[in-house]
């Protein structure tokens, strides 16, 4: 169960993982060893999407409105 702080951290970590995956993907285009960098970039992007989806599913759980009611948006 995520609270306000951990929900915020999950969204930030997800954004950082997505950005790192995109940057590594751009680097993979210019690198001579494309395959390992491309796979790592894909894993970073998928990990970012997974973290964001876990935070989203947790926000949809029953009782989440009481836990997240005091969050400052």
PDB file of N, CA and C in Angstrom:
ATOM      1  N   UNK A   1       0.839  -1.170   0.000  1.00  0.00           N
ATOM      2  CA  UNK A   1       0.000   0.000   0.000  1.00  0.00           C
ATOM      3  C   UNK A   1       0.889   1.241   0.000  1.00  0.00           C
ATOM      4  N   UNK A   2       0.721   2.040  -1.001  1.00  0.00           N
ATOM      5  CA  UNK A   2       1.530   3.241  -1.149  1.00  0.00           C
ATOM      6  C   UNK A   2       0.864   4.432  -0.475  1.00  0.00           C
ATOM      7  N   UNK A   3       1.671   5.277   0.154  1.00  0.00           N
ATOM      8  CA  UNK A   3       1.161   6.523   0.710  1.00  0.00           C
ATOM      9  C   UNK A   3       1.575   7.667  -0.221  1.00  0.00           C
ATOM     10  N   UNK A   4       1.373   8.893   0.212  1.00  0.00           N
ATOM     11  CA  UNK A   4       1.654  10.049  -0.651  1.00  0.00           C
ATOM     12  C   UNK A   4       3.115  10.098  -1.074  1.00  0.00           C
ATOM     13  N   UNK A   5       3.998   9.930  -0.108  1.00  0.00           N
ATOM     14  CA  UNK A   5       5.425  10.032  -0.405  1.00  0.00           C
ATOM     15  C   UNK A   5       5.891   8.912  -1.326  1.00  0.00           C
ATOM     16  N   UNK A   6       5.488   7.681  -1.044  1.00  0.00           N
ATOM     17  CA  UNK A   6       5.938   6.561  -1.874  1.00  0.00           C
ATOM     18  C   UNK A   6       5.286   6.594  -3.257  1.00  0.00           C
ATOM     19  N   UNK A   7       4.078   7.131  -3.355  1.00  0.00           N
ATOM     20  CA  UNK A   7       3.445   7.287  -4.662  1.00  0.00           C
ATOM     21  C   UNK A   7       4.225   8.295  -5.506  1.00  0.00           C
ATOM     22  N   UNK A   8       4.626   9.392  -4.886  1.00  0.00           N
ATOM     23  CA  UNK A   8       5.414  10.412  -5.577  1.00  0.00           C
ATOM     24  C   UNK A   8       6.763   9.845  -6.008  1.00  0.00           C
ATOM     25  N   UNK A   9       7.393   9.090  -5.125  1.00  0.00           N
ATOM     26  CA  UNK A   9       8.686   8.479  -5.450  1.00  0.00           C
ATOM     27  C   UNK A   9       8.533   7.476  -6.589  1.00  0.00           C
ATOM     28  N   UNK A  10       7.452   6.714  -6.588  1.00  0.00           N
ATOM     29  CA  UNK A  10       7.224   5.738  -7.655  1.00  0.00           C
ATOM     30  C   UNK A  10       7.067   6.422  -9.008  1.00  0.00           C
ATOM     31  N   UNK A  11       6.360   7.534  -9.044  1.00  0.00           N
ATOM     32  CA  UNK A  11       6.179   8.251 -10.302  1.00  0.00           C
ATOM     33  C   UNK A  11       7.501   8.859 -10.774  1.00  0.00           C
ATOM     34  N   UNK A  12       8.288   9.397  -9.847  1.00  0.00           N
ATOM     35  CA  UNK A  12       9.586   9.973 -10.218  1.00  0.00           C
ATOM     36  C   UNK A  12      10.549   8.889 -10.699  1.00  0.00           C
ATOM     37  N   UNK A  13      10.597   7.768  -9.993  1.00  0.00           N
ATOM     38  CA  UNK A  13      11.473   6.661 -10.405  1.00  0.00           C
ATOM     39  C   UNK A  13      11.045   6.125 -11.770  1.00  0.00           C
ATOM     40  N   UNK A  14       9.760   6.044 -11.988  1.00  0.00           N
ATOM     41  CA  UNK A  14       9.264   5.592 -13.290  1.00  0.00           C
ATOM     42  C   UNK A  14       9.716   6.540 -14.393  1.00  0.00           C
ATOM     43  N   UNK A  15       9.591   7.836 -14.163  1.00  0.00           N
ATOM     44  CA  UNK A  15      10.040   8.806 -15.164  1.00  0.00           C
ATOM     45  C   UNK A  15      11.534   8.727 -15.410  1.00  0.00           C
ATOM     46  N   UNK A  16      12.310   8.536 -14.347  1.00  0.00           N
ATOM     47  CA  UNK A  16      13.757   8.418 -14.513  1.00  0.00           C
ATOM     48  C   UNK A  16      14.138   7.157 -15.281  1.00  0.00           C
ATOM     49  N   UNK A  17      13.459   6.057 -14.994  1.00  0.00           N
ATOM     50  CA  UNK A  17      13.729   4.822 -15.736  1.00  0.00           C
ATOM     51  C   UNK A  17      13.375   4.969 -17.212  1.00  0.00           C
ATOM     52  N   UNK A  18      12.240   5.602 -17.485  1.00  0.00           N
ATOM     53  CA  UNK A  18      11.853   5.818 -18.880  1.00  0.00           C
ATOM     54  C   UNK A  18      12.848   6.725 -19.597  1.00  0.00           C
ATOM     55  N   UNK A  19      13.277   7.802 -18.936  1.00  0.00           N
ATOM     56  CA  UNK A  19      14.246   8.710 -19.544  1.00  0.00           C
ATOM     57  C   UNK A  19      15.593   8.020 -19.762  1.00  0.00           C
ATOM     58  N   UNK A  20      16.031   7.236 -18.782  1.00  0.00           N
ATOM     59  CA  UNK A  20      17.293   6.512 -18.929  1.00  0.00           C
ATOM     60  C   UNK A  20      17.212   5.496 -20.060  1.00  0.00           C
ATOM     61  N   UNK A  21      16.076   4.829 -20.185  1.00  0.00           N
ATOM     62  CA  UNK A  21      15.908   3.875 -21.279  1.00  0.00           C
ATOM     63  C   UNK A  21      15.924   4.551 -22.638  1.00  0.00           C
ATOM     64  N   UNK A  22      15.287   5.708 -22.738  1.00  0.00           N
ATOM     65  CA  UNK A  22      15.304   6.432 -24.010  1.00  0.00           C
ATOM     66  C   UNK A  22      16.701   6.939 -24.353  1.00  0.00           C
ATOM     67  N   UNK A  23      17.409   7.464 -23.363  1.00  0.00           N
ATOM     68  CA  UNK A  23      18.774   7.931 -23.612  1.00  0.00           C
ATOM     69  C   UNK A  23      19.703   6.783 -23.991  1.00  0.00           C
ATOM     70  N   UNK A  24      19.569   5.663 -23.315  1.00  0.00           N
ATOM     71  CA  UNK A  24      20.389   4.503 -23.659  1.00  0.00           C
ATOM     72  C   UNK A  24      20.020   3.969 -25.036  1.00  0.00           C
ATOM     73  N   UNK A  25      18.748   4.062 -25.381  1.00  0.00           N
ATOM     74  CA  UNK A  25      18.340   3.651 -26.726  1.00  0.00           C
ATOM     75  C   UNK A  25      18.951   4.533 -27.804  1.00  0.00           C
ATOM     76  N   UNK A  26      19.024   5.840 -27.530  1.00  0.00           N
ATOM     77  CA  UNK A  26      19.689   6.735 -28.479  1.00  0.00           C
ATOM     78  C   UNK A  26      21.181   6.448 -28.562  1.00  0.00           C
ATOM     79  N   UNK A  27      21.788   6.124 -27.414  1.00  0.00           N
ATOM     80  CA  UNK A  27      23.200   5.759 -27.406  1.00  0.00           C
ATOM     81  C   UNK A  27      23.427   4.439 -28.148  1.00  0.00           C
ATOM     82  N   UNK A  28      22.469   3.529 -28.054  1.00  0.00           N
ATOM     83  CA  UNK A  28      22.600   2.221 -28.694  1.00  0.00           C
ATOM     84  C   UNK A  28      22.644   2.343 -30.211  1.00  0.00           C
ATOM     85  N   UNK A  29      22.013   3.374 -30.746  1.00  0.00           N
ATOM     86  CA  UNK A  29      22.027   3.560 -32.196  1.00  0.00           C
ATOM     87  C   UNK A  29      23.433   3.898 -32.674  1.00  0.00           C
ATOM     88  N   UNK A  30      24.182   4.654 -31.873  1.00  0.00           N
ATOM     89  CA  UNK A  30      25.516   5.083 -32.276  1.00  0.00           C
ATOM     90  C   UNK A  30      26.619   4.127 -31.818  1.00  0.00           C
ATOM     91  N   UNK A  31      26.318   3.201 -30.940  1.00  0.00           N
ATOM     92  CA  UNK A  31      27.348   2.322 -30.377  1.00  0.00           C
ATOM     93  C   UNK A  31      27.635   1.157 -31.312  1.00  0.00           C
ATOM     94  N   UNK A  32      28.881   0.668 -31.286  1.00  0.00           N
ATOM     95  CA  UNK A  32      29.202  -0.487 -32.130  1.00  0.00           C
ATOM     96  C   UNK A  32      28.561  -1.787 -31.629  1.00  0.00           C
ATOM     97  N   UNK A  33      28.369  -1.928 -30.332  1.00  0.00           N
ATOM     98  CA  UNK A  33      27.730  -3.123 -29.773  1.00  0.00           C
ATOM     99  C   UNK A  33      26.260  -2.802 -29.506  1.00  0.00           C
ATOM    100  N   UNK A  34      25.471  -2.827 -30.536  1.00  0.00           N
ATOM    101  CA  UNK A  34      24.091  -2.374 -30.449  1.00  0.00           C
ATOM    102  C   UNK A  34      23.215  -3.295 -29.607  1.00  0.00           C
ATOM    103  N   UNK A  35      23.387  -4.592 -29.752  1.00  0.00           N
ATOM    104  CA  UNK A  35      22.460  -5.534 -29.128  1.00  0.00           C
ATOM    105  C   UNK A  35      22.405  -5.437 -27.596  1.00  0.00           C
ATOM    106  N   UNK A  36      23.527  -5.426 -26.875  1.00  0.00           N
ATOM    107  CA  UNK A  36      23.412  -5.343 -25.400  1.00  0.00           C
ATOM    108  C   UNK A  36      22.793  -4.027 -24.932  1.00  0.00           C
ATOM    109  N   UNK A  37      23.144  -2.925 -25.588  1.00  0.00           N
ATOM    110  CA  UNK A  37      22.590  -1.640 -25.190  1.00  0.00           C
ATOM    111  C   UNK A  37      21.105  -1.558 -25.508  1.00  0.00           C
ATOM    112  N   UNK A  38      20.699  -2.133 -26.607  1.00  0.00           N
ATOM    113  CA  UNK A  38      19.286  -2.113 -26.977  1.00  0.00           C
ATOM    114  C   UNK A  38      18.459  -2.925 -25.987  1.00  0.00           C
ATOM    115  N   UNK A  39      18.967  -4.064 -25.573  1.00  0.00           N
ATOM    116  CA  UNK A  39      18.244  -4.880 -24.604  1.00  0.00           C
ATOM    117  C   UNK A  39      18.164  -4.195 -23.249  1.00  0.00           C
ATOM    118  N   UNK A  40      19.247  -3.535 -22.835  1.00  0.00           N
ATOM    119  CA  UNK A  40      19.236  -2.813 -21.568  1.00  0.00           C
ATOM    120  C   UNK A  40      18.267  -1.635 -21.628  1.00  0.00           C
ATOM    121  N   UNK A  41      18.225  -0.949 -22.762  1.00  0.00           N
ATOM    122  CA  UNK A  41      17.296   0.170 -22.923  1.00  0.00           C
ATOM    123  C   UNK A  41      15.854  -0.320 -22.859  1.00  0.00           C
ATOM    124  N   UNK A  42      15.576  -1.448 -23.481  1.00  0.00           N
ATOM    125  CA  UNK A  42      14.238  -2.018 -23.446  1.00  0.00           C
ATOM    126  C   UNK A  42      13.847  -2.412 -22.023  1.00  0.00           C
ATOM    127  N   UNK A  43      14.774  -3.001 -21.281  1.00  0.00           N
ATOM    128  CA  UNK A  43      14.490  -3.382 -19.895  1.00  0.00           C
ATOM    129  C   UNK A  43      14.232  -2.154 -19.026  1.00  0.00           C
ATOM    130  N   UNK A  44      14.974  -1.076 -19.241  1.00  0.00           N
ATOM    131  CA  UNK A  44      14.745   0.146 -18.469  1.00  0.00           C
ATOM    132  C   UNK A  44      13.372   0.730 -18.762  1.00  0.00           C
ATOM    133  N   UNK A  45      12.992   0.770 -20.027  1.00  0.00           N
ATOM    134  CA  UNK A  45      11.680   1.309 -20.392  1.00  0.00           C
ATOM    135  C   UNK A  45      10.565   0.434 -19.835  1.00  0.00           C
ATOM    136  N   UNK A  46      10.721  -0.870 -19.929  1.00  0.00           N
ATOM    137  CA  UNK A  46       9.694  -1.774 -19.392  1.00  0.00           C
ATOM    138  C   UNK A  46       9.620  -1.706 -17.867  1.00  0.00           C
ATOM    139  N   UNK A  47      10.760  -1.526 -17.205  1.00  0.00           N
ATOM    140  CA  UNK A  47      10.753  -1.388 -15.749  1.00  0.00           C
ATOM    141  C   UNK A  47      10.053  -0.096 -15.339  1.00  0.00           C
ATOM    142  N   UNK A  48      10.278   0.975 -16.090  1.00  0.00           N
ATOM    143  CA  UNK A  48       9.589   2.233 -15.800  1.00  0.00           C
ATOM    144  C   UNK A  48       8.090   2.104 -15.969  1.00  0.00           C
ATOM    145  N   UNK A  49       7.679   1.414 -17.025  1.00  0.00           N
ATOM    146  CA  UNK A  49       6.248   1.200 -17.246  1.00  0.00           C
ATOM    147  C   UNK A  49       5.657   0.300 -16.153  1.00  0.00           C
ATOM    148  N   UNK A  50       6.419  -0.683 -15.706  1.00  0.00           N
ATOM    149  CA  UNK A  50       5.928  -1.577 -14.654  1.00  0.00           C
ATOM    150  C   UNK A  50       5.763  -0.838 -13.324  1.00  0.00           C
ATOM    151  N   UNK A  51       6.723   0.017 -12.990  1.00  0.00           N
ATOM    152  CA  UNK A  51       6.626   0.787 -11.739  1.00  0.00           C
ATOM    153  C   UNK A  51       5.416   1.715 -11.794  1.00  0.00           C
ATOM    154  N   UNK A  52       5.215   2.368 -12.924  1.00  0.00           N
ATOM    155  CA  UNK A  52       4.078   3.271 -13.062  1.00  0.00           C
ATOM    156  C   UNK A  52       2.754   2.517 -13.016  1.00  0.00           C
ATOM    157  N   UNK A  53       2.707   1.334 -13.602  1.00  0.00           N
ATOM    158  CA  UNK A  53       1.462   0.562 -13.581  1.00  0.00           C
ATOM    159  C   UNK A  53       1.157   0.039 -12.180  1.00  0.00           C
ATOM    160  N   UNK A  54       2.177  -0.308 -11.405  1.00  0.00           N
ATOM    161  CA  UNK A  54       1.950  -0.744 -10.021  1.00  0.00           C
ATOM    162  C   UNK A  54       1.394   0.410  -9.194  1.00  0.00           C
ATOM    163  N   UNK A  55       1.947   1.607  -9.399  1.00  0.00           N
ATOM    164  CA  UNK A  55       1.434   2.775  -8.677  1.00  0.00           C
ATOM    165  C   UNK A  55      -0.006   3.072  -9.094  1.00  0.00           C
ATOM    166  N   UNK A  56      -0.305   2.921 -10.369  1.00  0.00           N
ATOM    167  CA  UNK A  56      -1.664   3.167 -10.864  1.00  0.00           C
ATOM    168  C   UNK A  56      -2.641   2.147 -10.300  1.00  0.00           C
ATOM    169  N   UNK A  57      -2.273   0.878 -10.310  1.00  0.00           N
ATOM    170  CA  UNK A  57      -3.159  -0.165  -9.790  1.00  0.00           C
ATOM    171  C   UNK A  57      -3.369   0.016  -8.292  1.00  0.00           C
ATOM    172  N   UNK A  58      -2.318   0.423  -7.569  1.00  0.00           N
ATOM    173  CA  UNK A  58      -2.468   0.665  -6.141  1.00  0.00           C
ATOM    174  C   UNK A  58      -3.412   1.840  -5.882  1.00  0.00           C
ATOM    175  N   UNK A  59      -3.396   2.832  -6.740  1.00  0.00           N
ATOM    176  CA  UNK A  59      -4.300   3.973  -6.575  1.00  0.00           C
ATOM    177  C   UNK A  59      -5.752   3.579  -6.852  1.00  0.00           C
ATOM    178  N   UNK A  60      -5.976   2.507  -7.593  1.00  0.00           N
ATOM    179  CA  UNK A  60      -7.336   2.052  -7.884  1.00  0.00           C
ATOM    180  C   UNK A  60      -7.903   1.109  -6.824  1.00  0.00           C
ATOM    181  N   UNK A  61      -7.061   0.647  -5.908  1.00  0.00           N
ATOM    182  CA  UNK A  61      -7.506  -0.295  -4.888  1.00  0.00           C
ATOM    183  C   UNK A  61      -8.522   0.355  -3.949  1.00  0.00           C
ATOM    184  N   UNK A  62      -9.410  -0.459  -3.378  1.00  0.00           N
ATOM    185  CA  UNK A  62     -10.357   0.079  -2.404  1.00  0.00           C
ATOM    186  C   UNK A  62      -9.610   0.627  -1.188  1.00  0.00           C
ATOM    187  N   UNK A  63     -10.051   1.761  -0.715  1.00  0.00           N
ATOM    188  CA  UNK A  63      -9.427   2.389   0.435  1.00  0.00           C
ATOM    189  C   UNK A  63      -8.292   3.327   0.076  1.00  0.00           C
ATOM    190  N   UNK A  64      -7.954   3.407  -1.191  1.00  0.00           N
ATOM    191  CA  UNK A  64      -6.860   4.286  -1.600  1.00  0.00           C
ATOM    192  C   UNK A  64      -7.244   5.750  -1.456  1.00  0.00           C
ATOM    193  N   UNK A  65      -8.527   6.047  -1.567  1.00  0.00           N
ATOM    194  CA  UNK A  65      -8.938   7.451  -1.446  1.00  0.00           C
ATOM    195  C   UNK A  65      -8.683   7.981  -0.038  1.00  0.00           C
ATOM    196  N   UNK A  66      -8.823   7.117   0.995  1.00  0.00           N
ATOM    197  CA  UNK A  66      -8.527   7.559   2.358  1.00  0.00           C
ATOM    198  C   UNK A  66      -7.024   7.724   2.560  1.00  0.00           C
ATOM    199  N   UNK A  67      -6.218   6.803   2.005  1.00  0.00           N
ATOM    200  CA  UNK A  67      -4.777   6.878   2.167  1.00  0.00           C
ATOM    201  C   UNK A  67      -4.198   8.077   1.430  1.00  0.00           C
ATOM    202  N   UNK A  68      -4.726   8.367   0.253  1.00  0.00           N
ATOM    203  CA  UNK A  68      -4.158   9.412  -0.583  1.00  0.00           C
ATOM    204  C   UNK A  68      -4.934  10.722  -0.494  1.00  0.00           C
ATOM    205  N   UNK A  69      -5.863  10.807   0.457  1.00  0.00           N
ATOM    206  CA  UNK A  69      -6.721  11.995   0.566  1.00  0.00           C
ATOM    207  C   UNK A  69      -5.942  13.237   0.981  1.00  0.00           C
ATOM    208  N   UNK A  70      -4.936  13.090   1.811  1.00  0.00           N
ATOM    209  CA  UNK A  70      -4.176  14.229   2.297  1.00  0.00           C
ATOM    210  C   UNK A  70      -3.024  14.645   1.415  1.00  0.00           C
ATOM    211  N   UNK A  71      -2.898  14.048   0.245  1.00  0.00           N
ATOM    212  CA  UNK A  71      -1.778  14.372  -0.643  1.00  0.00           C
ATOM    213  C   UNK A  71      -1.930  15.781  -1.208  1.00  0.00           C
ATOM    214  N   UNK A  72      -0.816  16.478  -1.288  1.00  0.00           N
ATOM    215  CA  UNK A  72      -0.813  17.802  -1.899  1.00  0.00           C
ATOM    216  C   UNK A  72      -0.481  17.633  -3.370  1.00  0.00           C
ATOM    217  N   UNK A  73      -1.354  18.115  -4.223  1.00  0.00           N
ATOM    218  CA  UNK A  73      -1.165  17.952  -5.660  1.00  0.00           C
ATOM    219  C   UNK A  73      -0.542  19.188  -6.242  1.00  0.00           C
TER     220      UNK A  73
END
